PDB file of N, CA and C in Angstrom:
ATOM      1  N   MET A   1      55.524  24.957  -4.079  1.00  0.00           N
ATOM      2  CA  MET A   1      54.928  23.920  -3.283  1.00  0.00           C
ATOM      3  C   MET A   1      53.711  24.493  -2.553  1.00  0.00           C
ATOM      4  N   THR A   2      52.627  23.730  -2.543  1.00  0.00           N
ATOM      5  CA  THR A   2      51.392  24.165  -1.901  1.00  0.00           C
ATOM      6  C   THR A   2      51.217  23.455  -0.570  1.00  0.00           C
ATOM      7  N   VAL A   3      50.814  24.213   0.410  1.00  0.00           N
ATOM      8  CA  VAL A   3      50.547  23.645   1.730  1.00  0.00           C
ATOM      9  C   VAL A   3      49.054  23.334   1.797  1.00  0.00           C
ATOM     10  N   THR A   4      48.721  22.186   2.330  1.00  0.00           N
ATOM     11  CA  THR A   4      47.319  21.788   2.440  1.00  0.00           C
ATOM     12  C   THR A   4      47.061  21.247   3.842  1.00  0.00           C
ATOM     13  N   ASN A   5      45.794  21.004   4.130  1.00  0.00           N
ATOM     14  CA  ASN A   5      45.468  20.470   5.449  1.00  0.00           C
ATOM     15  C   ASN A   5      44.776  19.107   5.300  1.00  0.00           C
ATOM     16  N   ILE A   6      44.546  18.470   6.418  1.00  0.00           N
ATOM     17  CA  ILE A   6      44.000  17.110   6.412  1.00  0.00           C
ATOM     18  C   ILE A   6      42.578  17.071   5.839  1.00  0.00           C
ATOM     19  N   ASP A   7      41.807  18.135   6.062  1.00  0.00           N
ATOM     20  CA  ASP A   7      40.444  18.168   5.526  1.00  0.00           C
ATOM     21  C   ASP A   7      40.444  18.147   3.998  1.00  0.00           C
ATOM     22  N   LYS A   8      41.356  18.898   3.399  1.00  0.00           N
ATOM     23  CA  LYS A   8      41.461  18.917   1.932  1.00  0.00           C
ATOM     24  C   LYS A   8      41.881  17.539   1.409  1.00  0.00           C
ATOM     25  N   ILE A   9      42.802  16.911   2.091  1.00  0.00           N
ATOM     26  CA  ILE A   9      43.255  15.574   1.671  1.00  0.00           C
ATOM     27  C   ILE A   9      42.095  14.591   1.725  1.00  0.00           C
ATOM     28  N   HIS A  10      41.295  14.641   2.790  1.00  0.00           N
ATOM     29  CA  HIS A  10      40.135  13.765   2.909  1.00  0.00           C
ATOM     30  C   HIS A  10      39.121  14.043   1.786  1.00  0.00           C
ATOM     31  N   GLU A  11      38.906  15.301   1.510  1.00  0.00           N
ATOM     32  CA  GLU A  11      37.962  15.679   0.450  1.00  0.00           C
ATOM     33  C   GLU A  11      38.451  15.170  -0.908  1.00  0.00           C
ATOM     34  N   TRP A  12      39.701  15.363  -1.213  1.00  0.00           N
ATOM     35  CA  TRP A  12      40.249  14.902  -2.497  1.00  0.00           C
ATOM     36  C   TRP A  12      40.180  13.381  -2.596  1.00  0.00           C
ATOM     37  N   THR A  13      40.480  12.701  -1.497  1.00  0.00           N
ATOM     38  CA  THR A  13      40.426  11.232  -1.480  1.00  0.00           C
ATOM     39  C   THR A  13      38.996  10.763  -1.718  1.00  0.00           C
ATOM     40  N   TYR A  14      38.054  11.383  -1.028  1.00  0.00           N
ATOM     41  CA  TYR A  14      36.646  11.018  -1.205  1.00  0.00           C
ATOM     42  C   TYR A  14      36.212  11.236  -2.659  1.00  0.00           C
ATOM     43  N   ASN A  15      36.519  12.378  -3.213  1.00  0.00           N
ATOM     44  CA  ASN A  15      36.139  12.681  -4.603  1.00  0.00           C
ATOM     45  C   ASN A  15      36.789  11.704  -5.580  1.00  0.00           C
ATOM     46  N   HIS A  16      38.040  11.389  -5.357  1.00  0.00           N
ATOM     47  CA  HIS A  16      38.744  10.425  -6.207  1.00  0.00           C
ATOM     48  C   HIS A  16      38.067   9.054  -6.134  1.00  0.00           C
ATOM     49  N   ASN A  17      37.751   8.597  -4.926  1.00  0.00           N
ATOM     50  CA  ASN A  17      37.105   7.296  -4.754  1.00  0.00           C
ATOM     51  C   ASN A  17      35.719   7.267  -5.400  1.00  0.00           C
ATOM     52  N   GLU A  18      34.987   8.351  -5.301  1.00  0.00           N
ATOM     53  CA  GLU A  18      33.661   8.428  -5.938  1.00  0.00           C
ATOM     54  C   GLU A  18      33.776   8.338  -7.464  1.00  0.00           C
ATOM     55  N   ARG A  19      34.734   9.051  -8.038  1.00  0.00           N
ATOM     56  CA  ARG A  19      34.956   8.974  -9.491  1.00  0.00           C
ATOM     57  C   ARG A  19      35.322   7.554  -9.902  1.00  0.00           C
ATOM     58  N   GLN A  20      36.200   6.919  -9.139  1.00  0.00           N
ATOM     59  CA  GLN A  20      36.607   5.548  -9.437  1.00  0.00           C
ATOM     60  C   GLN A  20      35.416   4.587  -9.352  1.00  0.00           C
ATOM     61  N   ARG A  21      34.571   4.754  -8.337  1.00  0.00           N
ATOM     62  CA  ARG A  21      33.400   3.899  -8.166  1.00  0.00           C
ATOM     63  C   ARG A  21      32.442   4.047  -9.337  1.00  0.00           C
ATOM     64  N   LYS A  22      32.196   5.295  -9.751  1.00  0.00           N
ATOM     65  CA  LYS A  22      31.285   5.541 -10.871  1.00  0.00           C
ATOM     66  C   LYS A  22      31.830   4.959 -12.172  1.00  0.00           C
ATOM     67  N   GLU A  23      33.131   5.097 -12.383  1.00  0.00           N
ATOM     68  CA  GLU A  23      33.749   4.514 -13.578  1.00  0.00           C
ATOM     69  C   GLU A  23      33.647   2.992 -13.554  1.00  0.00           C
ATOM     70  N   PHE A  24      33.863   2.397 -12.392  1.00  0.00           N
ATOM     71  CA  PHE A  24      33.763   0.947 -12.263  1.00  0.00           C
ATOM     72  C   PHE A  24      32.344   0.472 -12.527  1.00  0.00           C
ATOM     73  N   GLU A  25      31.349   1.166 -11.957  1.00  0.00           N
ATOM     74  CA  GLU A  25      29.946   0.792 -12.167  1.00  0.00           C
ATOM     75  C   GLU A  25      29.576   0.876 -13.646  1.00  0.00           C
ATOM     76  N   ALA A  26      30.010   1.940 -14.306  1.00  0.00           N
ATOM     77  CA  ALA A  26      29.723   2.096 -15.732  1.00  0.00           C
ATOM     78  C   ALA A  26      30.366   0.970 -16.532  1.00  0.00           C
ATOM     79  N   PHE A  27      31.597   0.621 -16.189  1.00  0.00           N
ATOM     80  CA  PHE A  27      32.300  -0.460 -16.879  1.00  0.00           C
ATOM     81  C   PHE A  27      31.598  -1.801 -16.644  1.00  0.00           C
ATOM     82  N   ALA A  28      31.227  -2.077 -15.392  1.00  0.00           N
ATOM     83  CA  ALA A  28      30.556  -3.339 -15.063  1.00  0.00           C
ATOM     84  C   ALA A  28      29.215  -3.445 -15.787  1.00  0.00           C
ATOM     85  N   LEU A  29      28.471  -2.357 -15.851  1.00  0.00           N
ATOM     86  CA  LEU A  29      27.194  -2.357 -16.559  1.00  0.00           C
ATOM     87  C   LEU A  29      27.396  -2.597 -18.045  1.00  0.00           C
ATOM     88  N   GLN A  30      28.421  -1.990 -18.614  1.00  0.00           N
ATOM     89  CA  GLN A  30      28.696  -2.191 -20.036  1.00  0.00           C
ATOM     90  C   GLN A  30      29.066  -3.641 -20.321  1.00  0.00           C
ATOM     91  N   VAL A  31      29.880  -4.243 -19.470  1.00  0.00           N
ATOM     92  CA  VAL A  31      30.247  -5.653 -19.642  1.00  0.00           C
ATOM     93  C   VAL A  31      29.003  -6.521 -19.546  1.00  0.00           C
ATOM     94  N   ALA A  32      28.140  -6.249 -18.565  1.00  0.00           N
ATOM     95  CA  ALA A  32      26.909  -7.026 -18.396  1.00  0.00           C
ATOM     96  C   ALA A  32      26.006  -6.895 -19.619  1.00  0.00           C
ATOM     97  N   LYS A  33      25.912  -5.697 -20.178  1.00  0.00           N
ATOM     98  CA  LYS A  33      25.111  -5.495 -21.393  1.00  0.00           C
ATOM     99  C   LYS A  33      25.712  -6.252 -22.562  1.00  0.00           C
ATOM    100  N   ASP A  34      27.026  -6.176 -22.709  1.00  0.00           N
ATOM    101  CA  ASP A  34      27.706  -6.865 -23.801  1.00  0.00           C
ATOM    102  C   ASP A  34      27.533  -8.374 -23.714  1.00  0.00           C
ATOM    103  N   GLU A  35      27.483  -8.908 -22.498  1.00  0.00           N
ATOM    104  CA  GLU A  35      27.353 -10.346 -22.289  1.00  0.00           C
ATOM    105  C   GLU A  35      25.895 -10.802 -22.274  1.00  0.00           C
ATOM    106  N   GLY A  36      24.957  -9.836 -22.404  1.00  0.00           N
ATOM    107  CA  GLY A  36      23.539 -10.189 -22.410  1.00  0.00           C
ATOM    108  C   GLY A  36      22.990 -10.544 -21.038  1.00  0.00           C
ATOM    109  N   LEU A  37      23.633 -10.057 -19.991  1.00  0.00           N
ATOM    110  CA  LEU A  37      23.205 -10.366 -18.635  1.00  0.00           C
ATOM    111  C   LEU A  37      22.175  -9.384 -18.096  1.00  0.00           C
ATOM    112  N   VAL A  38      21.962  -8.290 -18.806  1.00  0.00           N
ATOM    113  CA  VAL A  38      20.987  -7.294 -18.388  1.00  0.00           C
ATOM    114  C   VAL A  38      20.063  -6.998 -19.542  1.00  0.00           C
ATOM    115  N   GLN A  39      18.795  -6.848 -19.224  1.00  0.00           N
ATOM    116  CA  GLN A  39      17.841  -6.490 -20.271  1.00  0.00           C
ATOM    117  C   GLN A  39      17.920  -4.984 -20.481  1.00  0.00           C
ATOM    118  N   THR A  40      18.177  -4.593 -21.715  1.00  0.00           N
ATOM    119  CA  THR A  40      18.318  -3.170 -21.998  1.00  0.00           C
ATOM    120  C   THR A  40      17.144  -2.622 -22.792  1.00  0.00           C
ATOM    121  N   ASP A  41      16.283  -3.496 -23.294  1.00  0.00           N
ATOM    122  CA  ASP A  41      15.161  -3.062 -24.118  1.00  0.00           C
ATOM    123  C   ASP A  41      13.906  -2.963 -23.266  1.00  0.00           C
ATOM    124  N   GLN A  42      13.713  -1.809 -22.631  1.00  0.00           N
ATOM    125  CA  GLN A  42      12.573  -1.611 -21.744  1.00  0.00           C
ATOM    126  C   GLN A  42      11.257  -1.446 -22.505  1.00  0.00           C
ATOM    127  N   GLN A  43      11.313  -1.199 -23.791  1.00  0.00           N
ATOM    128  CA  GLN A  43      10.118  -0.934 -24.578  1.00  0.00           C
ATOM    129  C   GLN A  43       9.439  -2.197 -25.090  1.00  0.00           C
ATOM    130  N   ASN A  44      10.044  -3.356 -24.910  1.00  0.00           N
ATOM    131  CA  ASN A  44       9.515  -4.574 -25.498  1.00  0.00           C
ATOM    132  C   ASN A  44       9.107  -5.571 -24.416  1.00  0.00           C
ATOM    133  N   PRO A  45       7.824  -5.560 -24.002  1.00  0.00           N
ATOM    134  CA  PRO A  45       7.385  -6.472 -22.942  1.00  0.00           C
ATOM    135  C   PRO A  45       7.377  -7.937 -23.372  1.00  0.00           C
ATOM    136  N   THR A  46       7.479  -8.214 -24.662  1.00  0.00           N
ATOM    137  CA  THR A  46       7.489  -9.608 -25.099  1.00  0.00           C
ATOM    138  C   THR A  46       8.793 -10.299 -24.737  1.00  0.00           C
ATOM    139  N   LYS A  47       9.794  -9.551 -24.298  1.00  0.00           N
ATOM    140  CA  LYS A  47      11.050 -10.160 -23.855  1.00  0.00           C
ATOM    141  C   LYS A  47      10.795 -11.141 -22.711  1.00  0.00           C
ATOM    142  N   VAL A  48       9.843 -10.820 -21.842  1.00  0.00           N
ATOM    143  CA  VAL A  48       9.505 -11.708 -20.735  1.00  0.00           C
ATOM    144  C   VAL A  48       8.966 -13.026 -21.275  1.00  0.00           C
ATOM    145  N   LEU A  49       8.084 -12.940 -22.253  1.00  0.00           N
ATOM    146  CA  LEU A  49       7.528 -14.157 -22.848  1.00  0.00           C
ATOM    147  C   LEU A  49       8.610 -14.957 -23.560  1.00  0.00           C
ATOM    148  N   ASP A  50       9.486 -14.262 -24.255  1.00  0.00           N
ATOM    149  CA  ASP A  50      10.598 -14.953 -24.915  1.00  0.00           C
ATOM    150  C   ASP A  50      11.442 -15.714 -23.902  1.00  0.00           C
ATOM    151  N   LEU A  51      11.670 -15.106 -22.769  1.00  0.00           N
ATOM    152  CA  LEU A  51      12.459 -15.750 -21.722  1.00  0.00           C
ATOM    153  C   LEU A  51      11.734 -16.971 -21.158  1.00  0.00           C
ATOM    154  N   LEU A  52      10.446 -16.812 -20.858  1.00  0.00           N
ATOM    155  CA  LEU A  52       9.695 -17.904 -20.245  1.00  0.00           C
ATOM    156  C   LEU A  52       9.495 -19.093 -21.163  1.00  0.00           C
ATOM    157  N   PHE A  53       9.159 -18.833 -22.404  1.00  0.00           N
ATOM    158  CA  PHE A  53       8.788 -19.905 -23.317  1.00  0.00           C
ATOM    159  C   PHE A  53       9.907 -20.267 -24.293  1.00  0.00           C
ATOM    160  N   ASN A  54      11.116 -19.922 -23.943  1.00  0.00           N
ATOM    161  CA  ASN A  54      12.278 -20.286 -24.735  1.00  0.00           C
ATOM    162  C   ASN A  54      12.470 -21.798 -24.631  1.00  0.00           C
ATOM    163  N   GLU A  55      12.636 -22.448 -25.764  1.00  0.00           N
ATOM    164  CA  GLU A  55      12.746 -23.901 -25.758  1.00  0.00           C
ATOM    165  C   GLU A  55      14.087 -24.387 -25.215  1.00  0.00           C
ATOM    166  N   GLU A  56      15.075 -23.523 -25.211  1.00  0.00           N
ATOM    167  CA  GLU A  56      16.366 -23.902 -24.644  1.00  0.00           C
ATOM    168  C   GLU A  56      16.230 -23.975 -23.127  1.00  0.00           C
ATOM    169  N   GLU A  57      16.868 -24.972 -22.556  1.00  0.00           N
ATOM    170  CA  GLU A  57      16.858 -25.072 -21.101  1.00  0.00           C
ATOM    171  C   GLU A  57      17.703 -23.948 -20.512  1.00  0.00           C
ATOM    172  N   ALA A  58      17.270 -23.466 -19.376  1.00  0.00           N
ATOM    173  CA  ALA A  58      18.028 -22.420 -18.687  1.00  0.00           C
ATOM    174  C   ALA A  58      19.319 -23.013 -18.151  1.00  0.00           C
ATOM    175  N   THR A  59      20.381 -22.243 -18.222  1.00  0.00           N
ATOM    176  CA  THR A  59      21.646 -22.701 -17.648  1.00  0.00           C
ATOM    177  C   THR A  59      21.539 -22.648 -16.126  1.00  0.00           C
ATOM    178  N   GLU A  60      22.478 -23.291 -15.484  1.00  0.00           N
ATOM    179  CA  GLU A  60      22.501 -23.294 -14.025  1.00  0.00           C
ATOM    180  C   GLU A  60      22.610 -21.868 -13.484  1.00  0.00           C
ATOM    181  N   ASP A  61      23.442 -21.050 -14.142  1.00  0.00           N
ATOM    182  CA  ASP A  61      23.616 -19.658 -13.710  1.00  0.00           C
ATOM    183  C   ASP A  61      22.334 -18.857 -13.882  1.00  0.00           C
ATOM    184  N   GLU A  62      21.626 -19.062 -15.000  1.00  0.00           N
ATOM    185  CA  GLU A  62      20.364 -18.350 -15.222  1.00  0.00           C
ATOM    186  C   GLU A  62      19.334 -18.729 -14.164  1.00  0.00           C
ATOM    187  N   MET A  63      19.230 -20.025 -13.883  1.00  0.00           N
ATOM    188  CA  MET A  63      18.266 -20.471 -12.877  1.00  0.00           C
ATOM    189  C   MET A  63      18.624 -19.900 -11.500  1.00  0.00           C
ATOM    190  N   PHE A  64      19.905 -19.881 -11.181  1.00  0.00           N
ATOM    191  CA  PHE A  64      20.331 -19.324  -9.902  1.00  0.00           C
ATOM    192  C   PHE A  64      19.931 -17.848  -9.804  1.00  0.00           C
ATOM    193  N   ALA A  65      20.207 -17.091 -10.863  1.00  0.00           N
ATOM    194  CA  ALA A  65      19.872 -15.661 -10.870  1.00  0.00           C
ATOM    195  C   ALA A  65      18.366 -15.446 -10.771  1.00  0.00           C
ATOM    196  N   LEU A  66      17.587 -16.264 -11.478  1.00  0.00           N
ATOM    197  CA  LEU A  66      16.128 -16.146 -11.407  1.00  0.00           C
ATOM    198  C   LEU A  66      15.613 -16.462 -10.005  1.00  0.00           C
ATOM    199  N   LYS A  67      16.158 -17.504  -9.410  1.00  0.00           N
ATOM    200  CA  LYS A  67      15.719 -17.875  -8.060  1.00  0.00           C
ATOM    201  C   LYS A  67      16.052 -16.767  -7.064  1.00  0.00           C
ATOM    202  N   ILE A  68      17.226 -16.194  -7.186  1.00  0.00           N
ATOM    203  CA  ILE A  68      17.603 -15.075  -6.305  1.00  0.00           C
ATOM    204  C   ILE A  68      16.612 -13.931  -6.482  1.00  0.00           C
ATOM    205  N   ALA A  69      16.301 -13.602  -7.741  1.00  0.00           N
ATOM    206  CA  ALA A  69      15.374 -12.491  -8.014  1.00  0.00           C
ATOM    207  C   ALA A  69      13.984 -12.789  -7.458  1.00  0.00           C
ATOM    208  N   VAL A  70      13.528 -14.028  -7.599  1.00  0.00           N
ATOM    209  CA  VAL A  70      12.197 -14.396  -7.089  1.00  0.00           C
ATOM    210  C   VAL A  70      12.164 -14.248  -5.577  1.00  0.00           C
ATOM    211  N   PHE A  71      13.215 -14.701  -4.904  1.00  0.00           N
ATOM    212  CA  PHE A  71      13.224 -14.630  -3.444  1.00  0.00           C
ATOM    213  C   PHE A  71      13.475 -13.215  -2.918  1.00  0.00           C
ATOM    214  N   GLU A  72      13.768 -12.264  -3.792  1.00  0.00           N
ATOM    215  CA  GLU A  72      13.883 -10.869  -3.367  1.00  0.00           C
ATOM    216  C   GLU A  72      12.531 -10.158  -3.381  1.00  0.00           C
ATOM    217  N   ILE A  73      11.508 -10.803  -3.947  1.00  0.00           N
ATOM    218  CA  ILE A  73      10.158 -10.222  -3.954  1.00  0.00           C
ATOM    219  C   ILE A  73       9.629 -10.287  -2.519  1.00  0.00           C
ATOM    220  N   PRO A  74       9.286  -9.143  -1.935  1.00  0.00           N
ATOM    221  CA  PRO A  74       8.922  -9.118  -0.513  1.00  0.00           C
ATOM    222  C   PRO A  74       7.832 -10.119  -0.124  1.00  0.00           C
ATOM    223  N   LYS A  75       6.798 -10.248  -0.924  1.00  0.00           N
ATOM    224  CA  LYS A  75       5.695 -11.144  -0.579  1.00  0.00           C
ATOM    225  C   LYS A  75       6.150 -12.606  -0.545  1.00  0.00           C
ATOM    226  N   ILE A  76       7.110 -12.952  -1.367  1.00  0.00           N
ATOM    227  CA  ILE A  76       7.634 -14.320  -1.396  1.00  0.00           C
ATOM    228  C   ILE A  76       8.668 -14.499  -0.283  1.00  0.00           C
ATOM    229  N   LYS A  77       9.538 -13.508  -0.124  1.00  0.00           N
ATOM    230  CA  LYS A  77      10.575 -13.574   0.911  1.00  0.00           C
ATOM    231  C   LYS A  77       9.947 -13.711   2.299  1.00  0.00           C
ATOM    232  N   ASP A  78       8.856 -12.984   2.547  1.00  0.00           N
ATOM    233  CA  ASP A  78       8.232 -12.970   3.871  1.00  0.00           C
ATOM    234  C   ASP A  78       7.208 -14.082   4.066  1.00  0.00           C
ATOM    235  N   SER A  79       6.970 -14.882   3.047  1.00  0.00           N
ATOM    236  CA  SER A  79       5.968 -15.936   3.136  1.00  0.00           C
ATOM    237  C   SER A  79       6.355 -16.971   4.188  1.00  0.00           C
ATOM    238  N   LYS A  80       5.354 -17.505   4.874  1.00  0.00           N
ATOM    239  CA  LYS A  80       5.571 -18.559   5.881  1.00  0.00           C
ATOM    240  C   LYS A  80       5.353 -19.948   5.276  1.00  0.00           C
ATOM    241  N   ASN A  81       4.975 -20.010   3.997  1.00  0.00           N
ATOM    242  CA  ASN A  81       4.703 -21.275   3.324  1.00  0.00           C
ATOM    243  C   ASN A  81       6.027 -21.935   2.919  1.00  0.00           C
ATOM    244  N   LEU A  82       6.573 -22.727   3.822  1.00  0.00           N
ATOM    245  CA  LEU A  82       7.892 -23.325   3.605  1.00  0.00           C
ATOM    246  C   LEU A  82       7.882 -24.373   2.494  1.00  0.00           C
ATOM    247  N   ASP A  83       6.760 -25.093   2.344  1.00  0.00           N
ATOM    248  CA  ASP A  83       6.688 -26.094   1.279  1.00  0.00           C
ATOM    249  C   ASP A  83       6.751 -25.438  -0.097  1.00  0.00           C
ATOM    250  N   ALA A  84       6.034 -24.332  -0.254  1.00  0.00           N
ATOM    251  CA  ALA A  84       6.048 -23.626  -1.542  1.00  0.00           C
ATOM    252  C   ALA A  84       7.434 -23.053  -1.826  1.00  0.00           C
ATOM    253  N   LYS A  85       8.086 -22.527  -0.798  1.00  0.00           N
ATOM    254  CA  LYS A  85       9.439 -21.992  -0.974  1.00  0.00           C
ATOM    255  C   LYS A  85      10.413 -23.113  -1.356  1.00  0.00           C
ATOM    256  N   LYS A  86      10.240 -24.269  -0.737  1.00  0.00           N
ATOM    257  CA  LYS A  86      11.089 -25.421  -1.052  1.00  0.00           C
ATOM    258  C   LYS A  86      10.903 -25.824  -2.509  1.00  0.00           C
ATOM    259  N   THR A  87       9.648 -25.803  -2.977  1.00  0.00           N
ATOM    260  CA  THR A  87       9.351 -26.131  -4.371  1.00  0.00           C
ATOM    261  C   THR A  87      10.041 -25.138  -5.302  1.00  0.00           C
ATOM    262  N   LEU A  88      10.025 -23.858  -4.951  1.00  0.00           N
ATOM    263  CA  LEU A  88      10.712 -22.854  -5.762  1.00  0.00           C
ATOM    264  C   LEU A  88      12.202 -23.139  -5.833  1.00  0.00           C
ATOM    265  N   ARG A  89      12.795 -23.463  -4.699  1.00  0.00           N
ATOM    266  CA  ARG A  89      14.241 -23.726  -4.667  1.00  0.00           C
ATOM    267  C   ARG A  89      14.618 -24.933  -5.525  1.00  0.00           C
ATOM    268  N   LYS A  90      13.719 -25.914  -5.592  1.00  0.00           N
ATOM    269  CA  LYS A  90      14.025 -27.148  -6.320  1.00  0.00           C
ATOM    270  C   LYS A  90      13.599 -27.108  -7.786  1.00  0.00           C
ATOM    271  N   SER A  91      12.979 -26.028  -8.219  1.00  0.00           N
ATOM    272  CA  SER A  91      12.488 -25.959  -9.597  1.00  0.00           C
ATOM    273  C   SER A  91      13.641 -26.117 -10.588  1.00  0.00           C
ATOM    274  N   LYS A  92      13.341 -26.787 -11.688  1.00  0.00           N
ATOM    275  CA  LYS A  92      14.362 -27.117 -12.688  1.00  0.00           C
ATOM    276  C   LYS A  92      14.247 -26.293 -13.973  1.00  0.00           C
ATOM    277  N   SER A  93      13.109 -25.626 -14.165  1.00  0.00           N
ATOM    278  CA  SER A  93      12.930 -24.841 -15.390  1.00  0.00           C
ATOM    279  C   SER A  93      12.417 -23.453 -15.042  1.00  0.00           C
ATOM    280  N   ARG A  94      12.571 -22.534 -15.984  1.00  0.00           N
ATOM    281  CA  ARG A  94      12.088 -21.168 -15.783  1.00  0.00           C
ATOM    282  C   ARG A  94      10.589 -21.171 -15.525  1.00  0.00           C
ATOM    283  N   LEU A  95       9.874 -21.904 -16.366  1.00  0.00           N
ATOM    284  CA  LEU A  95       8.411 -21.919 -16.279  1.00  0.00           C
ATOM    285  C   LEU A  95       7.948 -22.486 -14.937  1.00  0.00           C
ATOM    286  N   GLU A  96       8.586 -23.561 -14.489  1.00  0.00           N
ATOM    287  CA  GLU A  96       8.250 -24.166 -13.200  1.00  0.00           C
ATOM    288  C   GLU A  96       8.489 -23.168 -12.065  1.00  0.00           C
ATOM    289  N   LEU A  97       9.590 -22.450 -12.136  1.00  0.00           N
ATOM    290  CA  LEU A  97       9.917 -21.455 -11.115  1.00  0.00           C
ATOM    291  C   LEU A  97       8.896 -20.327 -11.112  1.00  0.00           C
ATOM    292  N   ILE A  98       8.587 -19.781 -12.272  1.00  0.00           N
ATOM    293  CA  ILE A  98       7.649 -18.657 -12.349  1.00  0.00           C
ATOM    294  C   ILE A  98       6.239 -19.091 -11.938  1.00  0.00           C
ATOM    295  N   LYS A  99       5.827 -20.285 -12.367  1.00  0.00           N
ATOM    296  CA  LYS A  99       4.504 -20.797 -11.976  1.00  0.00           C
ATOM    297  C   LYS A  99       4.419 -20.920 -10.458  1.00  0.00           C
ATOM    298  N   GLY A 100       5.452 -21.498  -9.845  1.00  0.00           N
ATOM    299  CA  GLY A 100       5.480 -21.619  -8.389  1.00  0.00           C
ATOM    300  C   GLY A 100       5.482 -20.267  -7.703  1.00  0.00           C
ATOM    301  N   ALA A 101       6.214 -19.322  -8.259  1.00  0.00           N
ATOM    302  CA  ALA A 101       6.269 -17.973  -7.680  1.00  0.00           C
ATOM    303  C   ALA A 101       4.901 -17.297  -7.761  1.00  0.00           C
ATOM    304  N   ILE A 102       4.240 -17.449  -8.893  1.00  0.00           N
ATOM    305  CA  ILE A 102       2.907 -16.849  -9.049  1.00  0.00           C
ATOM    306  C   ILE A 102       1.921 -17.488  -8.081  1.00  0.00           C
ATOM    307  N   ASP A 103       1.969 -18.814  -7.960  1.00  0.00           N
ATOM    308  CA  ASP A 103       1.077 -19.511  -7.030  1.00  0.00           C
ATOM    309  C   ASP A 103       1.312 -19.032  -5.604  1.00  0.00           C
ATOM    310  N   LEU A 104       2.571 -18.943  -5.201  1.00  0.00           N
ATOM    311  CA  LEU A 104       2.890 -18.497  -3.844  1.00  0.00           C
ATOM    312  C   LEU A 104       2.489 -17.037  -3.637  1.00  0.00           C
ATOM    313  N   TYR A 105       2.772 -16.211  -4.618  1.00  0.00           N
ATOM    314  CA  TYR A 105       2.463 -14.777  -4.532  1.00  0.00           C
ATOM    315  C   TYR A 105       0.957 -14.545  -4.412  1.00  0.00           C
ATOM    316  N   SER A 106       0.187 -15.256  -5.233  1.00  0.00           N
ATOM    317  CA  SER A 106      -1.263 -15.036  -5.220  1.00  0.00           C
ATOM    318  C   SER A 106      -1.941 -15.687  -4.030  1.00  0.00           C
ATOM    319  N   ALA A 107      -1.285 -16.663  -3.380  1.00  0.00           N
ATOM    320  CA  ALA A 107      -1.865 -17.314  -2.211  1.00  0.00           C
ATOM    321  C   ALA A 107      -1.698 -16.465  -0.964  1.00  0.00           C
ATOM    322  N   GLU A 108      -0.715 -15.589  -0.965  1.00  0.00           N
ATOM    323  CA  GLU A 108      -0.451 -14.761   0.243  1.00  0.00           C
ATOM    324  C   GLU A 108      -1.447 -13.636   0.362  1.00  0.00           C
TER     325      GLU A 108
END
């Protein structure tokens, strides 16, 4: 039987939790890649155009994620133009959202 102290127990617990967190993150990223929720092809800039000019309507979840991402852009988040922000929130298509974001971004 080995005798240990509280510092060792804390260290082992911390290391165990870190390993678990890293494994969870890797698993979550793999699931997101498998489901097509993350862009993994960094070498192909036409993916943006494919997304914007896709004839299929964006799902509610896609639009929600895009709106969240747009509002995380500092220049848009900090904008005082409430009408433009309202227009972004109410946008119904990817193109409408991106056009509004570009207009707001370039006006600031």
